[in-house]
Amino acid sequence: MHYKKLLSAGDLDTLRQAVLDGTLNAADVVREAVEAAVQLRREAFAASLRARLR
């Protein structure tokens, strides 16, 4: 919900696939996303996540 406007449908599909194939750990991504939201750095997290997905 916090990242709906910051991540495209393609980003989310790529993220889903990365979790399914074990490239990323879902619990770690959620923890990082919540931490970034609390620290008001959602945009930086979204950009970092996009870079990791490439």
PDB file of N, CA and C in Angstrom:
ATOM      1  N   MET A   1       0.823  -1.184   0.000  1.00  0.00           N
ATOM      2  CA  MET A   1       0.000   0.000   0.000  1.00  0.00           C
ATOM      3  C   MET A   1       0.873   1.256   0.000  1.00  0.00           C
ATOM      4  N   HIS A   2       1.928   1.265   0.760  1.00  0.00           N
ATOM      5  CA  HIS A   2       2.807   2.435   0.826  1.00  0.00           C
ATOM      6  C   HIS A   2       3.561   2.653  -0.473  1.00  0.00           C
ATOM      7  N   TYR A   3       3.668   1.628  -1.288  1.00  0.00           N
ATOM      8  CA  TYR A   3       4.501   1.702  -2.482  1.00  0.00           C
ATOM      9  C   TYR A   3       3.696   1.597  -3.776  1.00  0.00           C
ATOM     10  N   LYS A   4       2.392   1.671  -3.682  1.00  0.00           N
ATOM     11  CA  LYS A   4       1.525   1.492  -4.846  1.00  0.00           C
ATOM     12  C   LYS A   4       1.855   2.477  -5.966  1.00  0.00           C
ATOM     13  N   LYS A   5       2.140   3.707  -5.616  1.00  0.00           N
ATOM     14  CA  LYS A   5       2.440   4.722  -6.624  1.00  0.00           C
ATOM     15  C   LYS A   5       3.915   4.744  -7.012  1.00  0.00           C
ATOM     16  N   LEU A   6       4.748   4.061  -6.262  1.00  0.00           N
ATOM     17  CA  LEU A   6       6.189   4.106  -6.505  1.00  0.00           C
ATOM     18  C   LEU A   6       6.700   2.912  -7.305  1.00  0.00           C
ATOM     19  N   LEU A   7       5.938   1.830  -7.332  1.00  0.00           N
ATOM     20  CA  LEU A   7       6.346   0.626  -8.051  1.00  0.00           C
ATOM     21  C   LEU A   7       5.301   0.295  -9.113  1.00  0.00           C
ATOM     22  N   SER A   8       5.762   0.050 -10.311  1.00  0.00           N
ATOM     23  CA  SER A   8       4.847  -0.283 -11.404  1.00  0.00           C
ATOM     24  C   SER A   8       4.391  -1.738 -11.292  1.00  0.00           C
ATOM     25  N   ALA A   9       3.412  -2.071 -12.104  1.00  0.00           N
ATOM     26  CA  ALA A   9       2.949  -3.457 -12.154  1.00  0.00           C
ATOM     27  C   ALA A   9       4.097  -4.370 -12.587  1.00  0.00           C
ATOM     28  N   GLY A  10       4.915  -3.897 -13.510  1.00  0.00           N
ATOM     29  CA  GLY A  10       6.074  -4.677 -13.949  1.00  0.00           C
ATOM     30  C   GLY A  10       7.075  -4.889 -12.827  1.00  0.00           C
ATOM     31  N   ASP A  11       7.299  -3.836 -12.025  1.00  0.00           N
ATOM     32  CA  ASP A  11       8.195  -3.954 -10.867  1.00  0.00           C
ATOM     33  C   ASP A  11       7.677  -5.020  -9.907  1.00  0.00           C
ATOM     34  N   LEU A  12       6.387  -4.993  -9.655  1.00  0.00           N
ATOM     35  CA  LEU A  12       5.791  -5.944  -8.721  1.00  0.00           C
ATOM     36  C   LEU A  12       5.842  -7.370  -9.258  1.00  0.00           C
ATOM     37  N   ASP A  13       5.639  -7.519 -10.567  1.00  0.00           N
ATOM     38  CA  ASP A  13       5.758  -8.851 -11.169  1.00  0.00           C
ATOM     39  C   ASP A  13       7.179  -9.379 -11.041  1.00  0.00           C
ATOM     40  N   THR A  14       8.157  -8.508 -11.301  1.00  0.00           N
ATOM     41  CA  THR A  14       9.558  -8.907 -11.188  1.00  0.00           C
ATOM     42  C   THR A  14       9.897  -9.245  -9.743  1.00  0.00           C
ATOM     43  N   LEU A  15       9.386  -8.461  -8.803  1.00  0.00           N
ATOM     44  CA  LEU A  15       9.599  -8.735  -7.382  1.00  0.00           C
ATOM     45  C   LEU A  15       8.993 -10.084  -7.004  1.00  0.00           C
ATOM     46  N   ARG A  16       7.786 -10.334  -7.451  1.00  0.00           N
ATOM     47  CA  ARG A  16       7.115 -11.609  -7.157  1.00  0.00           C
ATOM     48  C   ARG A  16       7.945 -12.785  -7.667  1.00  0.00           C
ATOM     49  N   GLN A  17       8.452 -12.660  -8.880  1.00  0.00           N
ATOM     50  CA  GLN A  17       9.263 -13.730  -9.458  1.00  0.00           C
ATOM     51  C   GLN A  17      10.570 -13.903  -8.687  1.00  0.00           C
ATOM     52  N   ALA A  18      11.187 -12.801  -8.266  1.00  0.00           N
ATOM     53  CA  ALA A  18      12.437 -12.877  -7.506  1.00  0.00           C
ATOM     54  C   ALA A  18      12.225 -13.590  -6.173  1.00  0.00           C
ATOM     55  N   VAL A  19      11.083 -13.372  -5.554  1.00  0.00           N
ATOM     56  CA  VAL A  19      10.767 -14.070  -4.300  1.00  0.00           C
ATOM     57  C   VAL A  19      10.515 -15.548  -4.577  1.00  0.00           C
ATOM     58  N   LEU A  20       9.761 -15.830  -5.628  1.00  0.00           N
ATOM     59  CA  LEU A  20       9.449 -17.219  -5.950  1.00  0.00           C
ATOM     60  C   LEU A  20      10.692 -18.033  -6.300  1.00  0.00           C
ATOM     61  N   ASP A  21      11.642 -17.408  -7.000  1.00  0.00           N
ATOM     62  CA  ASP A  21      12.838 -18.172  -7.383  1.00  0.00           C
ATOM     63  C   ASP A  21      13.952 -18.106  -6.342  1.00  0.00           C
ATOM     64  N   GLY A  22      13.686 -17.420  -5.230  1.00  0.00           N
ATOM     65  CA  GLY A  22      14.641 -17.395  -4.128  1.00  0.00           C
ATOM     66  C   GLY A  22      15.719 -16.339  -4.230  1.00  0.00           C
ATOM     67  N   THR A  23      15.634 -15.476  -5.233  1.00  0.00           N
ATOM     68  CA  THR A  23      16.612 -14.399  -5.370  1.00  0.00           C
ATOM     69  C   THR A  23      16.496 -13.404  -4.218  1.00  0.00           C
ATOM     70  N   LEU A  24      15.273 -13.122  -3.810  1.00  0.00           N
ATOM     71  CA  LEU A  24      15.017 -12.232  -2.677  1.00  0.00           C
ATOM     72  C   LEU A  24      14.168 -12.962  -1.647  1.00  0.00           C
ATOM     73  N   ASN A  25      14.381 -12.617  -0.393  1.00  0.00           N
ATOM     74  CA  ASN A  25      13.603 -13.173   0.702  1.00  0.00           C
ATOM     75  C   ASN A  25      12.455 -12.213   1.013  1.00  0.00           C
ATOM     76  N   ALA A  26      11.230 -12.694   0.932  1.00  0.00           N
ATOM     77  CA  ALA A  26      10.052 -11.848   1.123  1.00  0.00           C
ATOM     78  C   ALA A  26      10.060 -11.150   2.479  1.00  0.00           C
ATOM     79  N   ALA A  27      10.429 -11.859   3.531  1.00  0.00           N
ATOM     80  CA  ALA A  27      10.437 -11.266   4.871  1.00  0.00           C
ATOM     81  C   ALA A  27      11.434 -10.114   4.949  1.00  0.00           C
ATOM     82  N   ASP A  28      12.579 -10.268   4.305  1.00  0.00           N
ATOM     83  CA  ASP A  28      13.579  -9.197   4.306  1.00  0.00           C
ATOM     84  C   ASP A  28      13.072  -7.977   3.550  1.00  0.00           C
ATOM     85  N   VAL A  29      12.420  -8.213   2.410  1.00  0.00           N
ATOM     86  CA  VAL A  29      11.902  -7.091   1.613  1.00  0.00           C
ATOM     87  C   VAL A  29      10.824  -6.349   2.395  1.00  0.00           C
ATOM     88  N   VAL A  30       9.941  -7.076   3.039  1.00  0.00           N
ATOM     89  CA  VAL A  30       8.881  -6.433   3.832  1.00  0.00           C
ATOM     90  C   VAL A  30       9.489  -5.631   4.979  1.00  0.00           C
ATOM     91  N   ARG A  31      10.456  -6.210   5.667  1.00  0.00           N
ATOM     92  CA  ARG A  31      11.098  -5.503   6.780  1.00  0.00           C
ATOM     93  C   ARG A  31      11.742  -4.214   6.288  1.00  0.00           C
ATOM     94  N   GLU A  32      12.467  -4.288   5.179  1.00  0.00           N
ATOM     95  CA  GLU A  32      13.128  -3.111   4.619  1.00  0.00           C
ATOM     96  C   GLU A  32      12.108  -2.066   4.165  1.00  0.00           C
ATOM     97  N   ALA A  33      11.008  -2.520   3.570  1.00  0.00           N
ATOM     98  CA  ALA A  33       9.977  -1.596   3.092  1.00  0.00           C
ATOM     99  C   ALA A  33       9.307  -0.860   4.245  1.00  0.00           C
ATOM    100  N   VAL A  34       9.007  -1.579   5.311  1.00  0.00           N
ATOM    101  CA  VAL A  34       8.380  -0.951   6.476  1.00  0.00           C
ATOM    102  C   VAL A  34       9.353   0.030   7.127  1.00  0.00           C
ATOM    103  N   GLU A  35      10.590  -0.376   7.264  1.00  0.00           N
ATOM    104  CA  GLU A  35      11.609   0.505   7.850  1.00  0.00           C
ATOM    105  C   GLU A  35      11.753   1.780   7.025  1.00  0.00           C
ATOM    106  N   ALA A  36      11.773   1.648   5.711  1.00  0.00           N
ATOM    107  CA  ALA A  36      11.899   2.818   4.841  1.00  0.00           C
ATOM    108  C   ALA A  36      10.681   3.731   4.974  1.00  0.00           C
ATOM    109  N   ALA A  37       9.496   3.146   5.077  1.00  0.00           N
ATOM    110  CA  ALA A  37       8.285   3.956   5.238  1.00  0.00           C
ATOM    111  C   ALA A  37       8.320   4.736   6.546  1.00  0.00           C
ATOM    112  N   VAL A  38       8.751   4.078   7.598  1.00  0.00           N
ATOM    113  CA  VAL A  38       8.836   4.740   8.904  1.00  0.00           C
ATOM    114  C   VAL A  38       9.854   5.881   8.870  1.00  0.00           C
ATOM    115  N   GLN A  39      10.937   5.675   8.141  1.00  0.00           N
ATOM    116  CA  GLN A  39      11.995   6.681   8.055  1.00  0.00           C
ATOM    117  C   GLN A  39      11.747   7.716   6.951  1.00  0.00           C
ATOM    118  N   LEU A  40      10.565   7.642   6.332  1.00  0.00           N
ATOM    119  CA  LEU A  40      10.175   8.573   5.271  1.00  0.00           C
ATOM    120  C   LEU A  40      11.155   8.575   4.104  1.00  0.00           C
ATOM    121  N   ARG A  41      11.608   7.391   3.734  1.00  0.00           N
ATOM    122  CA  ARG A  41      12.511   7.267   2.591  1.00  0.00           C
ATOM    123  C   ARG A  41      12.021   6.177   1.635  1.00  0.00           C
ATOM    124  N   ARG A  42      10.715   6.222   1.377  1.00  0.00           N
ATOM    125  CA  ARG A  42      10.100   5.237   0.487  1.00  0.00           C
ATOM    126  C   ARG A  42      10.639   5.319  -0.933  1.00  0.00           C
ATOM    127  N   GLU A  43      10.821   6.546  -1.438  1.00  0.00           N
ATOM    128  CA  GLU A  43      11.305   6.710  -2.806  1.00  0.00           C
ATOM    129  C   GLU A  43      12.686   6.085  -2.977  1.00  0.00           C
ATOM    130  N   ALA A  44      13.553   6.289  -2.008  1.00  0.00           N
ATOM    131  CA  ALA A  44      14.906   5.724  -2.071  1.00  0.00           C
ATOM    132  C   ALA A  44      14.847   4.200  -2.010  1.00  0.00           C
ATOM    133  N   PHE A  45      13.974   3.660  -1.182  1.00  0.00           N
ATOM    134  CA  PHE A  45      13.837   2.208  -1.098  1.00  0.00           C
ATOM    135  C   PHE A  45      13.321   1.642  -2.416  1.00  0.00           C
ATOM    136  N   ALA A  46      12.306   2.294  -2.991  1.00  0.00           N
ATOM    137  CA  ALA A  46      11.749   1.812  -4.252  1.00  0.00           C
ATOM    138  C   ALA A  46      12.817   1.813  -5.348  1.00  0.00           C
ATOM    139  N   ALA A  47      13.615   2.855  -5.401  1.00  0.00           N
ATOM    140  CA  ALA A  47      14.687   2.927  -6.399  1.00  0.00           C
ATOM    141  C   ALA A  47      15.731   1.826  -6.158  1.00  0.00           C
ATOM    142  N   SER A  48      16.066   1.605  -4.904  1.00  0.00           N
ATOM    143  CA  SER A  48      17.030   0.566  -4.553  1.00  0.00           C
ATOM    144  C   SER A  48      16.484  -0.816  -4.903  1.00  0.00           C
ATOM    145  N   LEU A  49      15.233  -1.040  -4.634  1.00  0.00           N
ATOM    146  CA  LEU A  49      14.615  -2.319  -4.938  1.00  0.00           C
ATOM    147  C   LEU A  49      14.604  -2.556  -6.450  1.00  0.00           C
ATOM    148  N   ARG A  50      14.232  -1.527  -7.205  1.00  0.00           N
ATOM    149  CA  ARG A  50      14.230  -1.643  -8.662  1.00  0.00           C
ATOM    150  C   ARG A  50      15.619  -2.005  -9.173  1.00  0.00           C
ATOM    151  N   ALA A  51      16.658  -1.395  -8.609  1.00  0.00           N
ATOM    152  CA  ALA A  51      18.028  -1.690  -9.016  1.00  0.00           C
ATOM    153  C   ALA A  51      18.399  -3.138  -8.695  1.00  0.00           C
ATOM    154  N   ARG A  52      17.953  -3.641  -7.559  1.00  0.00           N
ATOM    155  CA  ARG A  52      18.250  -5.038  -7.178  1.00  0.00           C
ATOM    156  C   ARG A  52      17.526  -6.031  -8.080  1.00  0.00           C
ATOM    157  N   LEU A  53      16.405  -5.615  -8.642  1.00  0.00           N
ATOM    158  CA  LEU A  53      15.617  -6.509  -9.486  1.00  0.00           C
ATOM    159  C   LEU A  53      16.152  -6.611 -10.904  1.00  0.00           C
ATOM    160  N   ARG A  54      17.081  -5.760 -11.256  1.00  0.00           N
ATOM    161  CA  ARG A  54      17.626  -5.782 -12.626  1.00  0.00           C
ATOM    162  C   ARG A  54      18.694  -6.798 -12.770  1.00  0.00           C
TER     163      ARG A  54
END
